[in-house]
Amino acid sequence: MRPLQRLLLDWYARTARALPWRATRDPYAILVSEIMLQQTQVSRVVPKYAAFLARFPTAASLAAAPVAEVLTLWQGLGYNRRALALQRAARAVVDEHGGVVPDDLGALLALPGLGPYTARAVLAFAHDREVAPVDTNVARVLSRAAAGAPLGRAAVQRLADDLVPPGEGARWSHALMDLGATVCVARAPRCGACPLADVCAWRVAGGEDPAASTALRARPQAAFAGSDRYPRGRLLDALRAGPVARADLAAAAHLAGAPPARLAVVVDGLVADGLAERDSAGLRLPR
């Protein structure tokens, strides 16, 4: 085992974050956690994860559920289209794989809504496969500590997969993510507390931060308040409580007094995304 690998795994053994999805090897439960964690803070996901799995413990139970119930349980996580994507994936698992989440990269990538990161996460965390899911934290750590140079998407994925120690797919990827989230952060990295400080290619060579030019890096999100995401969220929250009459749509979306065209954009967007349905009275969650 290379020094970088041994140092990181030893550090992880001492400092690993206790997260509920790390206590299971159920590929379906891991898939649920990975979809929930996309663009959402861990602290918001933890309670929702437990409640979601309690109601939908298998892909089959999620596949058969009313869309409205899935969206209601998703409340508070944001980016609600992810809930629909997760249910579509569950239905494909039932229809094409007998209700068992596949353990093959190609089959996982063929599921609706799964990209390279999520597919590799299922393989690594459920099966200890020697593949590495690469997010912004992982890319940052690898560009600094392993490469000491900026990395493109393909290069960082190859490096990540090549560095997985045999049989350590889950622990290795969790360790990389924890280091990137707590120590090797984007701004003001805590190099003095880093277990890789003595072998870090960037620290040894000096110079500009290679992570600043690496393909996968965090980008600031647009402001929520004042954007169409805000009235979309407010209207969808109202729909979770029950159908909204046409005359009440503007108030529910917090768009009272706004131009009617803006409300129309919000409503049309929810309907187009499959998050709402029109009826003769107004708007409701999909059945």
Protein backbone atom coordinates (compact mmCIF):
# COMPACT_ATOMS: atom_id res chain seq x y z
CA MET A 1 0.00 0.00 0.00
CA ARG A 2 1.33 3.44 -0.91
CA PRO A 3 2.13 5.89 1.88
CA LEU A 4 -0.69 8.21 0.81
CA GLN A 5 -3.20 5.37 0.97
CA ARG A 6 -2.01 4.09 4.35
CA LEU A 7 -1.91 7.55 5.93
CA LEU A 8 -5.40 8.42 4.75
CA LEU A 9 -6.97 5.14 5.83
CA ASP A 10 -5.28 5.34 9.25
CA TRP A 11 -6.63 8.87 9.67
CA TYR A 12 -10.11 7.75 8.65
CA ALA A 13 -10.05 4.92 11.18
CA ARG A 14 -9.56 7.55 13.91
CA THR A 15 -11.87 10.29 12.67
CA ALA A 16 -14.62 8.76 10.49
CA ARG A 17 -17.94 10.61 10.63
CA ALA A 18 -20.77 8.44 11.95
CA LEU A 19 -23.38 8.69 9.20
CA PRO A 20 -26.33 6.29 8.91
CA TRP A 21 -25.73 5.30 5.28
CA ARG A 22 -22.22 4.17 6.23
CA ALA A 23 -23.73 1.49 8.48
CA THR A 24 -25.35 -0.42 5.60
CA ARG A 25 -24.27 -2.31 2.53
CA ASP A 26 -27.78 -2.36 1.06
CA PRO A 27 -27.33 -0.93 -2.44
CA TYR A 28 -30.89 0.45 -2.49
CA ALA A 29 -30.40 2.33 0.80
CA ILE A 30 -27.09 3.67 -0.48
CA LEU A 31 -28.74 4.78 -3.71
CA VAL A 32 -31.37 6.66 -1.69
CA SER A 33 -28.70 8.40 0.37
CA GLU A 34 -26.65 9.41 -2.65
CA ILE A 35 -29.63 10.96 -4.45
CA MET A 36 -30.63 12.81 -1.27
CA LEU A 37 -27.11 14.12 -0.70
CA GLN A 38 -26.86 15.76 -4.11
CA GLN A 39 -26.60 19.51 -3.42
CA THR A 40 -28.05 19.07 0.08
CA GLN A 41 -26.29 19.34 3.44
CA VAL A 42 -25.69 16.17 5.44
CA SER A 43 -27.49 17.61 8.47
CA ARG A 44 -30.70 17.97 6.44
CA VAL A 45 -30.46 14.52 4.92
CA VAL A 46 -29.96 12.44 8.09
CA PRO A 47 -33.54 12.65 9.49
CA LYS A 48 -35.15 12.50 6.05
CA TYR A 49 -33.12 9.43 5.11
CA ALA A 50 -34.40 7.42 8.06
CA ALA A 51 -38.02 8.45 7.51
CA PHE A 52 -37.86 7.74 3.78
CA LEU A 53 -36.44 4.24 4.25
CA ALA A 54 -38.96 3.49 6.98
CA ARG A 55 -41.77 4.17 4.50
CA PHE A 56 -40.00 2.82 1.38
CA PRO A 57 -37.60 0.10 2.57
CA THR A 58 -37.18 -1.49 -0.86
CA ALA A 59 -37.04 -0.45 -4.48
CA ALA A 60 -40.35 -2.24 -5.01
CA SER A 61 -42.13 -0.25 -2.30
CA LEU A 62 -40.83 3.03 -3.73
CA ALA A 63 -41.70 2.03 -7.29
CA ALA A 64 -45.31 1.27 -6.32
CA ALA A 65 -45.87 4.42 -4.22
CA PRO A 66 -48.05 7.35 -5.33
CA VAL A 67 -45.89 10.19 -6.61
CA ALA A 68 -47.62 12.58 -4.22
CA GLU A 69 -46.50 10.54 -1.23
CA VAL A 70 -42.90 10.45 -2.45
CA LEU A 71 -42.88 14.22 -2.93
CA THR A 72 -44.43 14.76 0.49
CA LEU A 73 -41.72 12.73 2.23
CA TRP A 74 -39.09 14.63 0.24
CA GLN A 75 -40.16 17.97 1.73
CA GLY A 76 -37.23 19.89 3.17
CA LEU A 77 -34.57 18.40 0.91
CA GLY A 78 -35.09 20.73 -2.06
CA TYR A 79 -34.37 19.96 -5.73
CA ASN A 80 -37.59 17.95 -5.84
CA ARG A 81 -36.99 16.53 -9.28
CA ARG A 82 -34.49 14.22 -7.59
CA ALA A 83 -37.39 12.47 -5.85
CA LEU A 84 -39.00 11.73 -9.21
CA ALA A 85 -35.66 10.56 -10.63
CA LEU A 86 -35.16 8.23 -7.68
CA GLN A 87 -38.62 6.73 -8.14
CA ARG A 88 -38.01 6.27 -11.88
CA ALA A 89 -34.77 4.45 -11.05
CA ALA A 90 -36.62 2.25 -8.54
CA ARG A 91 -39.21 1.36 -11.17
CA ALA A 92 -36.46 0.43 -13.62
CA VAL A 93 -34.83 -1.73 -10.93
CA VAL A 94 -38.13 -3.55 -10.45
CA ASP A 95 -38.96 -3.87 -14.15
CA GLU A 96 -35.48 -4.76 -15.41
CA HIS A 97 -33.62 -6.29 -12.45
CA GLY A 98 -36.25 -8.08 -10.38
CA GLY A 99 -36.18 -5.42 -7.67
CA VAL A 100 -32.45 -5.81 -6.97
CA VAL A 101 -30.17 -2.83 -7.63
CA PRO A 102 -27.59 -4.08 -10.15
CA ASP A 103 -23.93 -4.43 -9.23
CA ASP A 104 -22.56 -3.68 -12.68
CA LEU A 105 -21.37 -0.21 -13.69
CA GLY A 106 -22.98 -0.32 -17.12
CA ALA A 107 -26.32 -1.48 -15.73
CA LEU A 108 -26.25 1.19 -13.05
CA LEU A 109 -25.46 3.90 -15.59
CA ALA A 110 -28.45 2.73 -17.64
CA LEU A 111 -30.85 3.45 -14.76
CA PRO A 112 -32.77 6.74 -15.10
CA GLY A 113 -31.04 9.64 -13.38
CA LEU A 114 -27.79 7.86 -12.47
CA GLY A 115 -24.52 9.36 -13.62
CA PRO A 116 -20.89 8.26 -13.17
CA TYR A 117 -20.70 9.52 -9.58
CA THR A 118 -23.84 7.81 -8.27
CA ALA A 119 -23.17 4.55 -10.11
CA ARG A 120 -19.66 4.33 -8.68
CA ALA A 121 -20.92 5.28 -5.22
CA VAL A 122 -23.26 2.28 -5.21
CA LEU A 123 -20.47 -0.05 -6.33
CA ALA A 124 -17.94 1.30 -3.84
CA PHE A 125 -20.15 1.66 -0.77
CA ALA A 126 -22.32 -1.43 -1.24
CA HIS A 127 -19.80 -3.82 -2.78
CA ASP A 128 -16.30 -2.45 -1.98
CA ARG A 129 -15.52 -2.36 -5.68
CA GLU A 130 -12.28 -0.69 -6.71
CA VAL A 131 -13.97 2.33 -8.26
CA ALA A 132 -14.15 5.80 -6.76
CA PRO A 133 -17.07 8.22 -6.92
CA VAL A 134 -15.58 11.64 -7.63
CA ASP A 135 -17.25 14.77 -6.27
CA THR A 136 -15.75 18.21 -5.74
CA ASN A 137 -14.19 17.19 -2.42
CA VAL A 138 -12.51 14.12 -3.88
CA ALA A 139 -11.29 16.00 -6.94
CA ARG A 140 -9.81 18.71 -4.73
CA VAL A 141 -7.93 16.24 -2.53
CA LEU A 142 -6.55 14.30 -5.47
CA SER A 143 -5.46 17.33 -7.45
CA ARG A 144 -3.59 18.65 -4.43
CA ALA A 145 -2.27 15.60 -2.62
CA ALA A 146 -1.83 13.00 -5.36
CA ALA A 147 -1.25 14.94 -8.58
CA GLY A 148 -0.03 18.36 -7.46
CA ALA A 149 -1.53 19.66 -10.68
CA PRO A 150 -4.90 20.60 -12.16
CA LEU A 151 -6.91 17.64 -13.45
CA GLY A 152 -9.58 17.33 -16.10
CA ARG A 153 -12.67 15.22 -15.51
CA ALA A 154 -11.36 12.12 -17.23
CA ALA A 155 -7.93 12.40 -15.60
CA VAL A 156 -9.28 12.83 -12.08
CA GLN A 157 -11.61 9.83 -12.53
CA ARG A 158 -8.76 7.63 -13.78
CA LEU A 159 -6.55 8.70 -10.89
CA ALA A 160 -9.33 8.14 -8.37
CA ASP A 161 -10.03 4.62 -9.64
CA ASP A 162 -6.32 3.75 -9.82
CA LEU A 163 -5.72 4.76 -6.20
CA VAL A 164 -8.41 2.58 -4.59
CA PRO A 165 -6.59 0.03 -2.40
CA PRO A 166 -7.71 -3.56 -3.11
CA GLY A 167 -10.85 -4.42 -1.17
CA GLU A 168 -11.14 -0.93 0.33
CA GLY A 169 -13.59 0.74 -2.03
CA ALA A 170 -15.96 1.97 0.67
CA ARG A 171 -13.45 3.08 3.31
CA TRP A 172 -11.17 4.73 0.77
CA SER A 173 -13.87 6.84 -0.83
CA HIS A 174 -15.40 7.78 2.51
CA ALA A 175 -11.94 8.83 3.71
CA LEU A 176 -11.34 11.03 0.66
CA MET A 177 -14.73 12.69 1.10
CA ASP A 178 -14.20 13.30 4.81
CA LEU A 179 -10.77 14.80 4.23
CA GLY A 180 -12.10 17.13 1.55
CA ALA A 181 -15.09 18.14 3.67
CA THR A 182 -13.23 18.82 6.92
CA VAL A 183 -9.51 19.44 6.28
CA CYS A 184 -8.60 19.85 2.60
CA VAL A 185 -11.33 22.44 2.11
CA ALA A 186 -11.59 24.79 -0.83
CA ARG A 187 -10.59 27.95 1.01
CA ALA A 188 -7.93 28.06 3.73
CA PRO A 189 -7.15 24.32 3.78
CA ARG A 190 -6.00 23.10 7.19
CA CYS A 191 -2.68 21.71 5.99
CA GLY A 192 -1.27 21.62 9.52
CA ALA A 193 -3.95 19.11 10.51
CA CYS A 194 -3.80 17.05 7.32
CA PRO A 195 -2.64 13.42 7.59
CA LEU A 196 -1.22 13.72 4.06
CA ALA A 197 0.84 16.85 4.71
CA ASP A 198 4.21 15.07 4.44
CA VAL A 199 3.34 13.36 1.13
CA CYS A 200 1.11 16.03 -0.44
CA ALA A 201 2.39 16.79 -3.93
CA TRP A 202 1.16 20.39 -3.80
CA ARG A 203 2.66 21.06 -0.36
CA VAL A 204 6.01 19.57 -1.42
CA ALA A 205 6.19 21.42 -4.74
CA GLY A 206 4.57 24.69 -3.67
CA GLY A 207 3.06 27.07 -6.19
CA GLU A 208 -0.53 27.87 -7.02
CA ASP A 209 -3.36 25.73 -5.73
CA PRO A 210 -4.02 23.09 -8.44
CA ALA A 211 -7.57 22.57 -7.20
CA ALA A 212 -8.48 26.07 -8.37
CA SER A 213 -8.19 24.88 -11.98
CA THR A 214 -9.38 21.30 -11.60
CA ALA A 215 -12.47 20.48 -13.68
CA LEU A 216 -14.64 19.40 -10.75
CA ARG A 217 -14.82 22.26 -8.31
CA ALA A 218 -17.56 23.92 -6.33
CA ARG A 219 -19.35 26.78 -8.03
CA PRO A 220 -21.45 29.32 -6.16
CA GLN A 221 -25.18 28.73 -6.40
CA ALA A 222 -27.52 31.44 -7.54
CA ALA A 223 -29.46 33.15 -4.78
CA PHE A 224 -32.60 31.25 -3.76
CA ALA A 225 -34.71 34.19 -2.57
CA GLY A 226 -35.84 36.27 -5.53
CA SER A 227 -35.34 33.46 -8.05
CA ASP A 228 -38.07 31.29 -9.56
CA ARG A 229 -36.85 28.48 -7.28
CA TYR A 230 -38.36 30.33 -4.33
CA PRO A 231 -41.99 30.55 -5.58
CA ARG A 232 -41.68 27.03 -7.00
CA GLY A 233 -40.74 25.76 -3.57
CA ARG A 234 -43.48 27.69 -1.81
CA LEU A 235 -46.15 26.49 -4.22
CA LEU A 236 -44.96 22.90 -4.04
CA ASP A 237 -45.04 23.06 -0.23
CA ALA A 238 -48.64 24.30 -0.43
CA LEU A 239 -49.53 21.44 -2.78
CA ARG A 240 -48.16 18.94 -0.27
CA ALA A 241 -50.91 20.09 2.09
CA GLY A 242 -53.58 19.59 -0.58
CA PRO A 243 -54.81 20.87 -3.97
CA VAL A 244 -54.55 24.62 -4.55
CA ALA A 245 -57.40 26.43 -6.28
CA ARG A 246 -56.57 28.49 -9.33
CA ALA A 247 -57.46 31.71 -7.53
CA ASP A 248 -55.06 30.86 -4.69
CA LEU A 249 -52.02 29.95 -6.75
CA ALA A 250 -50.36 33.37 -6.63
CA ALA A 251 -50.68 33.62 -2.85
CA ALA A 252 -49.42 30.07 -2.36
CA ALA A 253 -46.40 30.84 -4.54
CA HIS A 254 -45.76 34.11 -2.66
CA LEU A 255 -46.33 35.95 -5.94
CA ALA A 256 -49.36 38.04 -5.01
CA GLY A 257 -49.06 41.28 -6.93
CA ALA A 258 -46.44 39.89 -9.32
CA PRO A 259 -47.09 39.91 -13.08
CA PRO A 260 -49.32 36.98 -14.08
CA ALA A 261 -46.68 35.88 -16.55
CA ARG A 262 -44.28 35.07 -13.73
CA LEU A 263 -46.83 32.86 -11.98
CA ALA A 264 -47.49 31.14 -15.31
CA VAL A 265 -43.78 30.36 -15.69
CA VAL A 266 -43.68 28.85 -12.19
CA VAL A 267 -46.82 26.76 -12.68
CA ASP A 268 -45.84 25.63 -16.18
CA GLY A 269 -42.41 24.63 -14.89
CA LEU A 270 -43.81 22.48 -12.08
CA VAL A 271 -46.19 20.75 -14.49
CA ALA A 272 -43.48 20.21 -17.11
CA ASP A 273 -41.16 18.70 -14.49
CA GLY A 274 -43.85 16.26 -13.34
CA LEU A 275 -44.10 17.86 -9.91
CA ALA A 276 -47.71 19.03 -10.29
CA GLU A 277 -50.83 18.38 -12.35
CA ARG A 278 -53.57 20.70 -13.47
CA ASP A 279 -57.21 19.87 -12.88
CA SER A 280 -60.45 21.78 -13.41
CA ALA A 281 -60.08 23.57 -10.06
CA GLY A 282 -56.40 24.42 -10.10
CA LEU A 283 -53.26 22.47 -9.26
CA ARG A 284 -52.48 19.30 -7.31
CA LEU A 285 -49.62 16.88 -6.75
CA PRO A 286 -49.35 14.06 -9.29
CA ARG A 287 -51.19 10.90 -8.36
